[in-house]
Structures are given as C-alpha cells and as structure tokens.
C-alpha cells in the first residue's frame, strides 16, 4: 500500500488559493507555501482523504499528498489533480558579472 506524505497549505495561502481560477492540467506549487505534515498509508489519494476525514484531520483545499516516488497530488474542489514543485532559481551572484572575453588581437600579430 502506498505511503503518502502530507503537505498542508499554510493558512495565509488558503484565501488566495480559494479565489484563484481553476486550471486543468499540472498545478505548479511552491514549497514555501506548505508546512510539513504527517504521513498516511492508503491505497489511493481518495482512500487517504477518506481516512484523514474519519480521523478528524481532513485535507483542506490546496493540501498535497506526495508519494514516495515524488509524485504530487493536490486536493482541489474537483478532486485530486497532478501537481509539481516549482523550485526557486538559485542565484550565484555571477549573473551580473561581465562576460569573459579573450585577449584583444593586435593588428600586427594576425
């Protein structure tokens, strides 16, 4: 039976998620918008949803279930849909540095 790791959408993000237009296809999510949660063993995301509801810790709209292989499912009004982490671009500080060039050629050395 698959093990699902739960990621709870932060309270401050619930209203924004609630009023965002529904899009079909893969939903992009940012790790900074989520809090680590518990894990649950269930046959499907829907079985996990039902069991969490029975335990008194229901999933809220926008919460994620992550499988061990990294697949994400986001809980929306229409059910579970595929999601993908959007990771921030890592800045090295070299982006603003001028591009390196070779030595200038001197006319008489050609």
PDB file of N, CA and C in Angstrom:
ATOM      1  N   UNK A   1       0.850  -1.175   0.000  1.00  0.00           N
ATOM      2  CA  UNK A   1       0.000   0.000   0.000  1.00  0.00           C
ATOM      3  C   UNK A   1       0.897   1.240   0.000  1.00  0.00           C
ATOM      4  N   UNK A   2       0.600   2.215  -0.858  1.00  0.00           N
ATOM      5  CA  UNK A   2       1.436   3.423  -0.930  1.00  0.00           C
ATOM      6  C   UNK A   2       1.405   4.241   0.366  1.00  0.00           C
ATOM      7  N   UNK A   3       2.525   4.894   0.635  1.00  0.00           N
ATOM      8  CA  UNK A   3       2.633   5.811   1.758  1.00  0.00           C
ATOM      9  C   UNK A   3       2.596   7.229   1.191  1.00  0.00           C
ATOM     10  N   UNK A   4       1.709   8.053   1.709  1.00  0.00           N
ATOM     11  CA  UNK A   4       1.571   9.433   1.254  1.00  0.00           C
ATOM     12  C   UNK A   4       2.068  10.378   2.330  1.00  0.00           C
ATOM     13  N   UNK A   5       2.954  11.283   1.954  1.00  0.00           N
ATOM     14  CA  UNK A   5       3.410  12.335   2.866  1.00  0.00           C
ATOM     15  C   UNK A   5       2.485  13.541   2.644  1.00  0.00           C
ATOM     16  N   UNK A   6       1.998  14.108   3.732  1.00  0.00           N
ATOM     17  CA  UNK A   6       1.032  15.212   3.647  1.00  0.00           C
ATOM     18  C   UNK A   6       1.751  16.546   3.760  1.00  0.00           C
ATOM     19  N   UNK A   7       1.429  17.457   2.843  1.00  0.00           N
ATOM     20  CA  UNK A   7       1.916  18.842   2.894  1.00  0.00           C
ATOM     21  C   UNK A   7       0.680  19.718   3.033  1.00  0.00           C
ATOM     22  N   UNK A   8       0.603  20.454   4.128  1.00  0.00           N
ATOM     23  CA  UNK A   8      -0.558  21.319   4.398  1.00  0.00           C
ATOM     24  C   UNK A   8      -0.282  22.729   3.897  1.00  0.00           C
ATOM     25  N   UNK A   9      -1.231  23.260   3.141  1.00  0.00           N
ATOM     26  CA  UNK A   9      -1.129  24.636   2.654  1.00  0.00           C
ATOM     27  C   UNK A   9      -1.184  25.565   3.854  1.00  0.00           C
ATOM     28  N   UNK A  10      -0.275  26.541   3.914  1.00  0.00           N
ATOM     29  CA  UNK A  10      -0.248  27.489   5.029  1.00  0.00           C
ATOM     30  C   UNK A  10      -1.549  28.283   5.068  1.00  0.00           C
ATOM     31  N   UNK A  11      -1.990  28.611   6.278  1.00  0.00           N
ATOM     32  CA  UNK A  11      -3.251  29.348   6.469  1.00  0.00           C
ATOM     33  C   UNK A  11      -3.295  30.623   5.639  1.00  0.00           C
ATOM     34  N   UNK A  12      -2.177  31.342   5.574  1.00  0.00           N
ATOM     35  CA  UNK A  12      -2.150  32.613   4.855  1.00  0.00           C
ATOM     36  C   UNK A  12      -2.406  32.445   3.358  1.00  0.00           C
ATOM     37  N   UNK A  13      -2.259  31.239   2.839  1.00  0.00           N
ATOM     38  CA  UNK A  13      -2.416  30.994   1.402  1.00  0.00           C
ATOM     39  C   UNK A  13      -3.806  30.467   1.035  1.00  0.00           C
ATOM     40  N   UNK A  14      -4.625  30.092   2.019  1.00  0.00           N
ATOM     41  CA  UNK A  14      -5.927  29.485   1.724  1.00  0.00           C
ATOM     42  C   UNK A  14      -6.850  30.404   0.930  1.00  0.00           C
ATOM     43  N   UNK A  15      -6.957  31.664   1.316  1.00  0.00           N
ATOM     44  CA  UNK A  15      -7.848  32.577   0.592  1.00  0.00           C
ATOM     45  C   UNK A  15      -7.369  32.787  -0.841  1.00  0.00           C
ATOM     46  N   UNK A  16      -6.074  32.948  -1.013  1.00  0.00           N
ATOM     47  CA  UNK A  16      -5.519  33.139  -2.357  1.00  0.00           C
ATOM     48  C   UNK A  16      -5.819  31.917  -3.226  1.00  0.00           C
ATOM     49  N   UNK A  17      -5.637  30.739  -2.675  1.00  0.00           N
ATOM     50  CA  UNK A  17      -5.901  29.515  -3.432  1.00  0.00           C
ATOM     51  C   UNK A  17      -7.385  29.380  -3.738  1.00  0.00           C
ATOM     52  N   UNK A  18      -8.208  29.713  -2.751  1.00  0.00           N
ATOM     53  CA  UNK A  18      -9.659  29.583  -2.904  1.00  0.00           C
ATOM     54  C   UNK A  18     -10.186  30.443  -4.058  1.00  0.00           C
ATOM     55  N   UNK A  19      -9.650  31.652  -4.204  1.00  0.00           N
ATOM     56  CA  UNK A  19     -10.169  32.579  -5.214  1.00  0.00           C
ATOM     57  C   UNK A  19      -9.440  32.507  -6.551  1.00  0.00           C
ATOM     58  N   UNK A  20      -8.405  31.696  -6.635  1.00  0.00           N
ATOM     59  CA  UNK A  20      -7.690  31.549  -7.911  1.00  0.00           C
ATOM     60  C   UNK A  20      -8.574  30.772  -8.887  1.00  0.00           C
ATOM     61  N   UNK A  21      -8.527  31.118 -10.168  1.00  0.00           N
ATOM     62  CA  UNK A  21      -9.340  30.375 -11.145  1.00  0.00           C
ATOM     63  C   UNK A  21      -8.861  28.933 -11.254  1.00  0.00           C
ATOM     64  N   UNK A  22      -9.807  28.032 -11.470  1.00  0.00           N
ATOM     65  CA  UNK A  22      -9.453  26.619 -11.628  1.00  0.00           C
ATOM     66  C   UNK A  22      -8.776  26.417 -12.978  1.00  0.00           C
ATOM     67  N   UNK A  23      -7.674  25.719 -12.956  1.00  0.00           N
ATOM     68  CA  UNK A  23      -6.976  25.380 -14.194  1.00  0.00           C
ATOM     69  C   UNK A  23      -6.869  23.864 -14.267  1.00  0.00           C
ATOM     70  N   UNK A  24      -6.925  23.353 -15.474  1.00  0.00           N
ATOM     71  CA  UNK A  24      -6.756  21.912 -15.634  1.00  0.00           C
ATOM     72  C   UNK A  24      -5.303  21.638 -15.985  1.00  0.00           C
ATOM     73  N   UNK A  25      -4.907  20.426 -15.803  1.00  0.00           N
ATOM     74  CA  UNK A  25      -3.522  20.067 -16.074  1.00  0.00           C
ATOM     75  C   UNK A  25      -2.702  20.118 -14.792  1.00  0.00           C
ATOM     76  N   UNK A  26      -1.388  20.149 -14.941  1.00  0.00           N
ATOM     77  CA  UNK A  26      -0.480  20.121 -13.803  1.00  0.00           C
ATOM     78  C   UNK A  26      -0.495  21.478 -13.090  1.00  0.00           C
ATOM     79  N   UNK A  27      -0.630  21.437 -11.764  1.00  0.00           N
ATOM     80  CA  UNK A  27      -0.603  22.650 -10.953  1.00  0.00           C
ATOM     81  C   UNK A  27       0.800  22.846 -10.406  1.00  0.00           C
ATOM     82  N   UNK A  28       1.350  24.036 -10.569  1.00  0.00           N
ATOM     83  CA  UNK A  28       2.670  24.356 -10.032  1.00  0.00           C
ATOM     84  C   UNK A  28       2.516  24.874  -8.609  1.00  0.00           C
ATOM     85  N   UNK A  29       3.278  24.309  -7.679  1.00  0.00           N
ATOM     86  CA  UNK A  29       3.201  24.699  -6.274  1.00  0.00           C
ATOM     87  C   UNK A  29       4.596  25.027  -5.749  1.00  0.00           C
ATOM     88  N   UNK A  30       4.657  25.961  -4.791  1.00  0.00           N
ATOM     89  CA  UNK A  30       5.936  26.384  -4.218  1.00  0.00           C
ATOM     90  C   UNK A  30       6.099  25.778  -2.821  1.00  0.00           C
ATOM     91  N   UNK A  31       7.241  25.174  -2.545  1.00  0.00           N
ATOM     92  CA  UNK A  31       7.467  24.576  -1.231  1.00  0.00           C
ATOM     93  C   UNK A  31       7.271  25.555  -0.072  1.00  0.00           C
ATOM     94  N   UNK A  32       7.583  26.829  -0.273  1.00  0.00           N
ATOM     95  CA  UNK A  32       7.473  27.801   0.822  1.00  0.00           C
ATOM     96  C   UNK A  32       6.017  28.043   1.245  1.00  0.00           C
ATOM     97  N   UNK A  33       5.048  27.634   0.431  1.00  0.00           N
ATOM     98  CA  UNK A  33       3.632  27.823   0.753  1.00  0.00           C
ATOM     99  C   UNK A  33       3.057  26.672   1.582  1.00  0.00           C
ATOM    100  N   UNK A  34       3.887  25.685   1.911  1.00  0.00           N
ATOM    101  CA  UNK A  34       3.402  24.472   2.577  1.00  0.00           C
ATOM    102  C   UNK A  34       4.157  24.183   3.865  1.00  0.00           C
ATOM    103  N   UNK A  35       3.460  23.517   4.779  1.00  0.00           N
ATOM    104  CA  UNK A  35       4.050  23.029   6.022  1.00  0.00           C
ATOM    105  C   UNK A  35       4.111  21.511   5.952  1.00  0.00           C
ATOM    106  N   UNK A  36       5.211  20.963   6.465  1.00  0.00           N
ATOM    107  CA  UNK A  36       5.347  19.504   6.517  1.00  0.00           C
ATOM    108  C   UNK A  36       4.266  18.929   7.421  1.00  0.00           C
ATOM    109  N   UNK A  37       3.722  17.824   7.012  1.00  0.00           N
ATOM    110  CA  UNK A  37       2.702  17.160   7.811  1.00  0.00           C
ATOM    111  C   UNK A  37       3.074  15.725   8.092  1.00  0.00           C
ATOM    112  N   UNK A  38       2.110  14.960   8.525  1.00  0.00           N
ATOM    113  CA  UNK A  38       2.300  13.543   8.818  1.00  0.00           C
ATOM    114  C   UNK A  38       2.283  12.732   7.524  1.00  0.00           C
ATOM    115  N   UNK A  39       2.339  11.436   7.676  1.00  0.00           N
ATOM    116  CA  UNK A  39       2.214  10.514   6.552  1.00  0.00           C
ATOM    117  C   UNK A  39       1.041   9.587   6.827  1.00  0.00           C
ATOM    118  N   UNK A  40       0.501   9.042   5.741  1.00  0.00           N
ATOM    119  CA  UNK A  40      -0.616   8.106   5.871  1.00  0.00           C
ATOM    120  C   UNK A  40      -0.468   7.029   4.808  1.00  0.00           C
ATOM    121  N   UNK A  41      -0.801   5.815   5.190  1.00  0.00           N
ATOM    122  CA  UNK A  41      -0.755   4.697   4.266  1.00  0.00           C
ATOM    123  C   UNK A  41      -2.172   4.444   3.761  1.00  0.00           C
ATOM    124  N   UNK A  42      -2.337   4.440   2.439  1.00  0.00           N
ATOM    125  CA  UNK A  42      -3.657   4.231   1.838  1.00  0.00           C
ATOM    126  C   UNK A  42      -3.477   3.716   0.411  1.00  0.00           C
ATOM    127  N   UNK A  43      -4.518   3.074  -0.117  1.00  0.00           N
ATOM    128  CA  UNK A  43      -4.447   2.527  -1.476  1.00  0.00           C
ATOM    129  C   UNK A  43      -4.424   3.611  -2.544  1.00  0.00           C
ATOM    130  N   UNK A  44      -5.179   4.674  -2.327  1.00  0.00           N
ATOM    131  CA  UNK A  44      -5.285   5.752  -3.311  1.00  0.00           C
ATOM    132  C   UNK A  44      -5.340   7.085  -2.577  1.00  0.00           C
ATOM    133  N   UNK A  45      -5.156   8.203  -3.295  1.00  0.00           N
ATOM    134  CA  UNK A  45      -5.328   9.506  -2.645  1.00  0.00           C
ATOM    135  C   UNK A  45      -6.730   9.666  -2.056  1.00  0.00           C
ATOM    136  N   UNK A  46      -7.741   9.124  -2.715  1.00  0.00           N
ATOM    137  CA  UNK A  46      -9.113   9.244  -2.216  1.00  0.00           C
ATOM    138  C   UNK A  46      -9.307   8.441  -0.930  1.00  0.00           C
ATOM    139  N   UNK A  47      -8.651   7.280  -0.835  1.00  0.00           N
ATOM    140  CA  UNK A  47      -8.709   6.495   0.398  1.00  0.00           C
ATOM    141  C   UNK A  47      -8.013   7.252   1.527  1.00  0.00           C
ATOM    142  N   UNK A  48      -6.905   7.920   1.222  1.00  0.00           N
ATOM    143  CA  UNK A  48      -6.211   8.742   2.225  1.00  0.00           C
ATOM    144  C   UNK A  48      -7.102   9.894   2.670  1.00  0.00           C
ATOM    145  N   UNK A  49      -7.763  10.537   1.721  1.00  0.00           N
ATOM    146  CA  UNK A  49      -8.678  11.646   2.031  1.00  0.00           C
ATOM    147  C   UNK A  49      -9.780  11.176   2.976  1.00  0.00           C
ATOM    148  N   UNK A  50     -10.369  10.024   2.662  1.00  0.00           N
ATOM    149  CA  UNK A  50     -11.460   9.497   3.477  1.00  0.00           C
ATOM    150  C   UNK A  50     -10.972   9.146   4.884  1.00  0.00           C
ATOM    151  N   UNK A  51      -9.822   8.490   4.979  1.00  0.00           N
ATOM    152  CA  UNK A  51      -9.296   8.093   6.291  1.00  0.00           C
ATOM    153  C   UNK A  51      -8.930   9.310   7.142  1.00  0.00           C
ATOM    154  N   UNK A  52      -8.308  10.318   6.523  1.00  0.00           N
ATOM    155  CA  UNK A  52      -7.966  11.536   7.269  1.00  0.00           C
ATOM    156  C   UNK A  52      -9.224  12.227   7.782  1.00  0.00           C
ATOM    157  N   UNK A  53     -10.266  12.202   6.982  1.00  0.00           N
ATOM    158  CA  UNK A  53     -11.543  12.791   7.399  1.00  0.00           C
ATOM    159  C   UNK A  53     -12.110  12.031   8.595  1.00  0.00           C
ATOM    160  N   UNK A  54     -12.030  10.711   8.562  1.00  0.00           N
ATOM    161  CA  UNK A  54     -12.509   9.876   9.659  1.00  0.00           C
ATOM    162  C   UNK A  54     -11.717  10.130  10.947  1.00  0.00           C
ATOM    163  N   UNK A  55     -10.408  10.407  10.806  1.00  0.00           N
ATOM    164  CA  UNK A  55      -9.539  10.640  11.961  1.00  0.00           C
ATOM    165  C   UNK A  55      -9.694  12.045  12.550  1.00  0.00           C
ATOM    166  N   UNK A  56     -10.457  12.919  11.864  1.00  0.00           N
ATOM    167  CA  UNK A  56     -10.642  14.275  12.352  1.00  0.00           C
ATOM    168  C   UNK A  56      -9.571  15.253  11.901  1.00  0.00           C
ATOM    169  N   UNK A  57      -8.758  14.855  10.922  1.00  0.00           N
ATOM    170  CA  UNK A  57      -7.716  15.723  10.364  1.00  0.00           C
ATOM    171  C   UNK A  57      -7.894  15.809   8.850  1.00  0.00           C
ATOM    172  N   UNK A  58      -9.047  16.310   8.393  1.00  0.00           N
ATOM    173  CA  UNK A  58      -9.324  16.266   6.953  1.00  0.00           C
ATOM    174  C   UNK A  58      -8.362  17.142   6.147  1.00  0.00           C
ATOM    175  N   UNK A  59      -8.177  16.736   4.904  1.00  0.00           N
ATOM    176  CA  UNK A  59      -7.411  17.567   3.980  1.00  0.00           C
ATOM    177  C   UNK A  59      -8.239  18.801   3.656  1.00  0.00           C
ATOM    178  N   UNK A  60      -7.558  19.923   3.507  1.00  0.00           N
ATOM    179  CA  UNK A  60      -8.201  21.163   3.097  1.00  0.00           C
ATOM    180  C   UNK A  60      -7.880  21.397   1.619  1.00  0.00           C
ATOM    181  N   UNK A  61      -8.692  22.189   0.977  1.00  0.00           N
ATOM    182  CA  UNK A  61      -8.445  22.540  -0.426  1.00  0.00           C
ATOM    183  C   UNK A  61      -7.040  23.154  -0.534  1.00  0.00           C
ATOM    184  N   UNK A  62      -6.238  22.624  -1.442  1.00  0.00           N
ATOM    185  CA  UNK A  62      -4.875  23.118  -1.644  1.00  0.00           C
ATOM    186  C   UNK A  62      -3.814  22.252  -1.001  1.00  0.00           C
ATOM    187  N   UNK A  63      -4.204  21.318  -0.115  1.00  0.00           N
ATOM    188  CA  UNK A  63      -3.230  20.421   0.509  1.00  0.00           C
ATOM    189  C   UNK A  63      -2.700  19.425  -0.515  1.00  0.00           C
ATOM    190  N   UNK A  64      -1.514  18.902  -0.238  1.00  0.00           N
ATOM    191  CA  UNK A  64      -0.843  17.977  -1.152  1.00  0.00           C
ATOM    192  C   UNK A  64      -0.630  16.616  -0.511  1.00  0.00           C
ATOM    193  N   UNK A  65      -0.673  15.589  -1.338  1.00  0.00           N
ATOM    194  CA  UNK A  65      -0.238  14.249  -0.972  1.00  0.00           C
ATOM    195  C   UNK A  65       0.939  13.906  -1.872  1.00  0.00           C
ATOM    196  N   UNK A  66       2.057  13.508  -1.260  1.00  0.00           N
ATOM    197  CA  UNK A  66       3.251  13.165  -2.026  1.00  0.00           C
ATOM    198  C   UNK A  66       3.576  11.693  -1.836  1.00  0.00           C
ATOM    199  N   UNK A  67       3.715  10.983  -2.938  1.00  0.00           N
ATOM    200  CA  UNK A  67       4.090   9.575  -2.880  1.00  0.00           C
ATOM    201  C   UNK A  67       5.599   9.455  -2.701  1.00  0.00           C
ATOM    202  N   UNK A  68       6.057   8.272  -2.337  1.00  0.00           N
ATOM    203  CA  UNK A  68       7.489   8.055  -2.113  1.00  0.00           C
ATOM    204  C   UNK A  68       8.327   8.333  -3.353  1.00  0.00           C
ATOM    205  N   UNK A  69       7.744   8.130  -4.543  1.00  0.00           N
ATOM    206  CA  UNK A  69       8.489   8.381  -5.775  1.00  0.00           C
ATOM    207  C   UNK A  69       8.475   9.858  -6.171  1.00  0.00           C
ATOM    208  N   UNK A  70       7.890  10.730  -5.333  1.00  0.00           N
ATOM    209  CA  UNK A  70       7.897  12.169  -5.587  1.00  0.00           C
ATOM    210  C   UNK A  70       6.671  12.696  -6.305  1.00  0.00           C
ATOM    211  N   UNK A  71       5.774  11.828  -6.759  1.00  0.00           N
ATOM    212  CA  UNK A  71       4.563  12.302  -7.426  1.00  0.00           C
ATOM    213  C   UNK A  71       3.690  13.064  -6.436  1.00  0.00           C
ATOM    214  N   UNK A  72       3.205  14.219  -6.881  1.00  0.00           N
ATOM    215  CA  UNK A  72       2.346  15.064  -6.043  1.00  0.00           C
ATOM    216  C   UNK A  72       0.930  15.057  -6.560  1.00  0.00           C
ATOM    217  N   UNK A  73      -0.029  15.057  -5.638  1.00  0.00           N
ATOM    218  CA  UNK A  73      -1.442  15.215  -5.948  1.00  0.00           C
ATOM    219  C   UNK A  73      -1.965  16.343  -5.082  1.00  0.00           C
ATOM    220  N   UNK A  74      -2.611  17.319  -5.712  1.00  0.00           N
ATOM    221  CA  UNK A  74      -3.174  18.447  -4.989  1.00  0.00           C
ATOM    222  C   UNK A  74      -4.679  18.247  -4.862  1.00  0.00           C
ATOM    223  N   UNK A  75      -5.194  18.539  -3.682  1.00  0.00           N
ATOM    224  CA  UNK A  75      -6.625  18.389  -3.420  1.00  0.00           C
ATOM    225  C   UNK A  75      -7.326  19.677  -3.818  1.00  0.00           C
ATOM    226  N   UNK A  76      -8.204  19.575  -4.818  1.00  0.00           N
ATOM    227  CA  UNK A  76      -8.971  20.718  -5.312  1.00  0.00           C
ATOM    228  C   UNK A  76     -10.453  20.425  -5.152  1.00  0.00           C
ATOM    229  N   UNK A  77     -11.270  21.396  -5.479  1.00  0.00           N
ATOM    230  CA  UNK A  77     -12.725  21.232  -5.393  1.00  0.00           C
ATOM    231  C   UNK A  77     -13.219  20.067  -6.243  1.00  0.00           C
ATOM    232  N   UNK A  78     -12.527  19.777  -7.320  1.00  0.00           N
ATOM    233  CA  UNK A  78     -12.957  18.732  -8.252  1.00  0.00           C
ATOM    234  C   UNK A  78     -12.324  17.378  -7.942  1.00  0.00           C
ATOM    235  N   UNK A  79     -11.506  17.295  -6.908  1.00  0.00           N
ATOM    236  CA  UNK A  79     -10.822  16.062  -6.551  1.00  0.00           C
ATOM    237  C   UNK A  79      -9.319  16.259  -6.552  1.00  0.00           C
ATOM    238  N   UNK A  80      -8.585  15.205  -6.800  1.00  0.00           N
ATOM    239  CA  UNK A  80      -7.126  15.269  -6.818  1.00  0.00           C
ATOM    240  C   UNK A  80      -6.628  15.443  -8.241  1.00  0.00           C
ATOM    241  N   UNK A  81      -5.641  16.319  -8.390  1.00  0.00           N
ATOM    242  CA  UNK A  81      -5.011  16.533  -9.691  1.00  0.00           C
ATOM    243  C   UNK A  81      -3.504  16.529  -9.508  1.00  0.00           C
ATOM    244  N   UNK A  82      -2.790  16.340 -10.602  1.00  0.00           N
ATOM    245  CA  UNK A  82      -1.332  16.298 -10.575  1.00  0.00           C
ATOM    246  C   UNK A  82      -0.768  17.677 -10.242  1.00  0.00           C
ATOM    247  N   UNK A  83       0.301  17.675  -9.464  1.00  0.00           N
ATOM    248  CA  UNK A  83       0.990  18.919  -9.115  1.00  0.00           C
ATOM    249  C   UNK A  83       2.496  18.705  -9.269  1.00  0.00           C
ATOM    250  N   UNK A  84       3.215  19.812  -9.324  1.00  0.00           N
ATOM    251  CA  UNK A  84       4.671  19.759  -9.478  1.00  0.00           C
ATOM    252  C   UNK A  84       5.280  20.906  -8.685  1.00  0.00           C
ATOM    253  N   UNK A  85       6.368  20.602  -7.964  1.00  0.00           N
ATOM    254  CA  UNK A  85       7.072  21.656  -7.231  1.00  0.00           C
ATOM    255  C   UNK A  85       7.723  22.624  -8.204  1.00  0.00           C
ATOM    256  N   UNK A  86       7.644  23.906  -7.891  1.00  0.00           N
ATOM    257  CA  UNK A  86       8.373  24.943  -8.615  1.00  0.00           C
ATOM    258  C   UNK A  86       9.455  25.400  -7.664  1.00  0.00           C
ATOM    259  N   UNK A  87      10.686  25.095  -7.992  1.00  0.00           N
ATOM    260  CA  UNK A  87      11.791  25.443  -7.117  1.00  0.00           C
ATOM    261  C   UNK A  87      12.378  26.783  -7.529  1.00  0.00           C
ATOM    262  N   UNK A  88      12.751  27.610  -6.543  1.00  0.00           N
ATOM    263  CA  UNK A  88      13.313  28.919  -6.882  1.00  0.00           C
ATOM    264  C   UNK A  88      14.652  28.752  -7.585  1.00  0.00           C
ATOM    265  N   UNK A  89      14.923  29.679  -8.489  1.00  0.00           N
ATOM    266  CA  UNK A  89      16.184  29.666  -9.205  1.00  0.00           C
ATOM    267  C   UNK A  89      17.290  30.067  -8.241  1.00  0.00           C
ATOM    268  N   UNK A  90      18.372  29.320  -8.228  1.00  0.00           N
ATOM    269  CA  UNK A  90      19.483  29.613  -7.327  1.00  0.00           C
ATOM    270  C   UNK A  90      20.397  30.631  -7.992  1.00  0.00           C
ATOM    271  N   UNK A  91      20.577  31.751  -7.303  1.00  0.00           N
ATOM    272  CA  UNK A  91      21.451  32.813  -7.814  1.00  0.00           C
ATOM    273  C   UNK A  91      22.850  32.620  -7.246  1.00  0.00           C
ATOM    274  N   UNK A  92      23.838  32.680  -8.109  1.00  0.00           N
ATOM    275  CA  UNK A  92      25.223  32.506  -7.667  1.00  0.00           C
ATOM    276  C   UNK A  92      25.920  33.843  -7.455  1.00  0.00           C
ATOM    277  N   UNK A  93      25.333  34.905  -7.945  1.00  0.00           N
ATOM    278  CA  UNK A  93      25.978  36.206  -7.843  1.00  0.00           C
ATOM    279  C   UNK A  93      26.789  36.529  -9.081  1.00  0.00           C
ATOM    280  N   UNK A  94      26.990  35.555  -9.936  1.00  0.00           N
ATOM    281  CA  UNK A  94      27.778  35.769 -11.150  1.00  0.00           C
ATOM    282  C   UNK A  94      26.925  36.244 -12.319  1.00  0.00           C
ATOM    283  N   UNK A  95      25.610  36.307 -12.121  1.00  0.00           N
ATOM    284  CA  UNK A  95      24.723  36.689 -13.212  1.00  0.00           C
ATOM    285  C   UNK A  95      25.013  38.108 -13.712  1.00  0.00           C
ATOM    286  N   UNK A  96      25.426  39.003 -12.810  1.00  0.00           N
ATOM    287  CA  UNK A  96      25.673  40.399 -13.181  1.00  0.00           C
ATOM    288  C   UNK A  96      27.104  40.642 -13.641  1.00  0.00           C
ATOM    289  N   UNK A  97      27.968  39.639 -13.507  1.00  0.00           N
ATOM    290  CA  UNK A  97      29.370  39.803 -13.905  1.00  0.00           C
ATOM    291  C   UNK A  97      29.469  39.902 -15.428  1.00  0.00           C
ATOM    292  N   UNK A  98      30.399  40.730 -15.907  1.00  0.00           N
ATOM    293  CA  UNK A  98      30.551  40.833 -17.366  1.00  0.00           C
ATOM    294  C   UNK A  98      31.028  39.507 -17.953  1.00  0.00           C
ATOM    295  N   UNK A  99      30.657  39.282 -19.188  1.00  0.00           N
ATOM    296  CA  UNK A  99      31.055  38.068 -19.875  1.00  0.00           C
ATOM    297  C   UNK A  99      32.550  38.100 -20.143  1.00  0.00           C
ATOM    298  N   UNK A 100      33.204  36.999 -19.875  1.00  0.00           N
ATOM    299  CA  UNK A 100      34.648  36.932 -20.097  1.00  0.00           C
ATOM    300  C   UNK A 100      34.936  36.894 -21.592  1.00  0.00           C
ATOM    301  N   UNK A 101      35.977  37.595 -21.973  1.00  0.00           N
ATOM    302  CA  UNK A 101      36.402  37.591 -23.385  1.00  0.00           C
ATOM    303  C   UNK A 101      37.886  37.297 -23.440  1.00  0.00           C
ATOM    304  N   UNK A 102      38.322  36.867 -24.573  1.00  0.00           N
ATOM    305  CA  UNK A 102      39.746  36.575 -24.753  1.00  0.00           C
ATOM    306  C   UNK A 102      40.538  37.861 -24.918  1.00  0.00           C
ATOM    307  N   UNK A 103      41.851  37.733 -25.041  1.00  0.00           N
ATOM    308  CA  UNK A 103      42.670  38.934 -25.209  1.00  0.00           C
ATOM    309  C   UNK A 103      42.375  39.602 -26.546  1.00  0.00           C
ATOM    310  N   UNK A 104      42.534  40.917 -26.548  1.00  0.00           N
ATOM    311  CA  UNK A 104      42.313  41.654 -27.801  1.00  0.00           C
ATOM    312  C   UNK A 104      43.404  41.275 -28.774  1.00  0.00           C
ATOM    313  N   UNK A 105      43.014  41.124 -30.009  1.00  0.00           N
ATOM    314  CA  UNK A 105      44.038  40.792 -31.002  1.00  0.00           C
ATOM    315  C   UNK A 105      44.714  42.078 -31.462  1.00  0.00           C
ATOM    316  N   UNK A 106      45.988  42.008 -31.588  1.00  0.00           N
ATOM    317  CA  UNK A 106      46.768  43.146 -32.034  1.00  0.00           C
ATOM    318  C   UNK A 106      46.953  42.985 -33.538  1.00  0.00           C
ATOM    319  N   UNK A 107      46.737  44.076 -34.242  1.00  0.00           N
ATOM    320  CA  UNK A 107      46.751  44.030 -35.701  1.00  0.00           C
ATOM    321  C   UNK A 107      47.999  43.437 -36.295  1.00  0.00           C
ATOM    322  N   UNK A 108      49.185  43.704 -35.761  1.00  0.00           N
ATOM    323  CA  UNK A 108      50.409  43.220 -36.365  1.00  0.00           C
ATOM    324  C   UNK A 108      50.699  41.749 -36.053  1.00  0.00           C
ATOM    325  N   UNK A 109      49.880  41.106 -35.098  1.00  0.00           N
ATOM    326  CA  UNK A 109      50.095  39.696 -34.790  1.00  0.00           C
ATOM    327  C   UNK A 109      49.210  38.781 -35.625  1.00  0.00           C
ATOM    328  N   UNK A 110      48.400  39.316 -36.447  1.00  0.00           N
ATOM    329  CA  UNK A 110      47.491  38.465 -37.223  1.00  0.00           C
ATOM    330  C   UNK A 110      48.185  37.666 -38.240  1.00  0.00           C
TER     331      UNK A 110
END
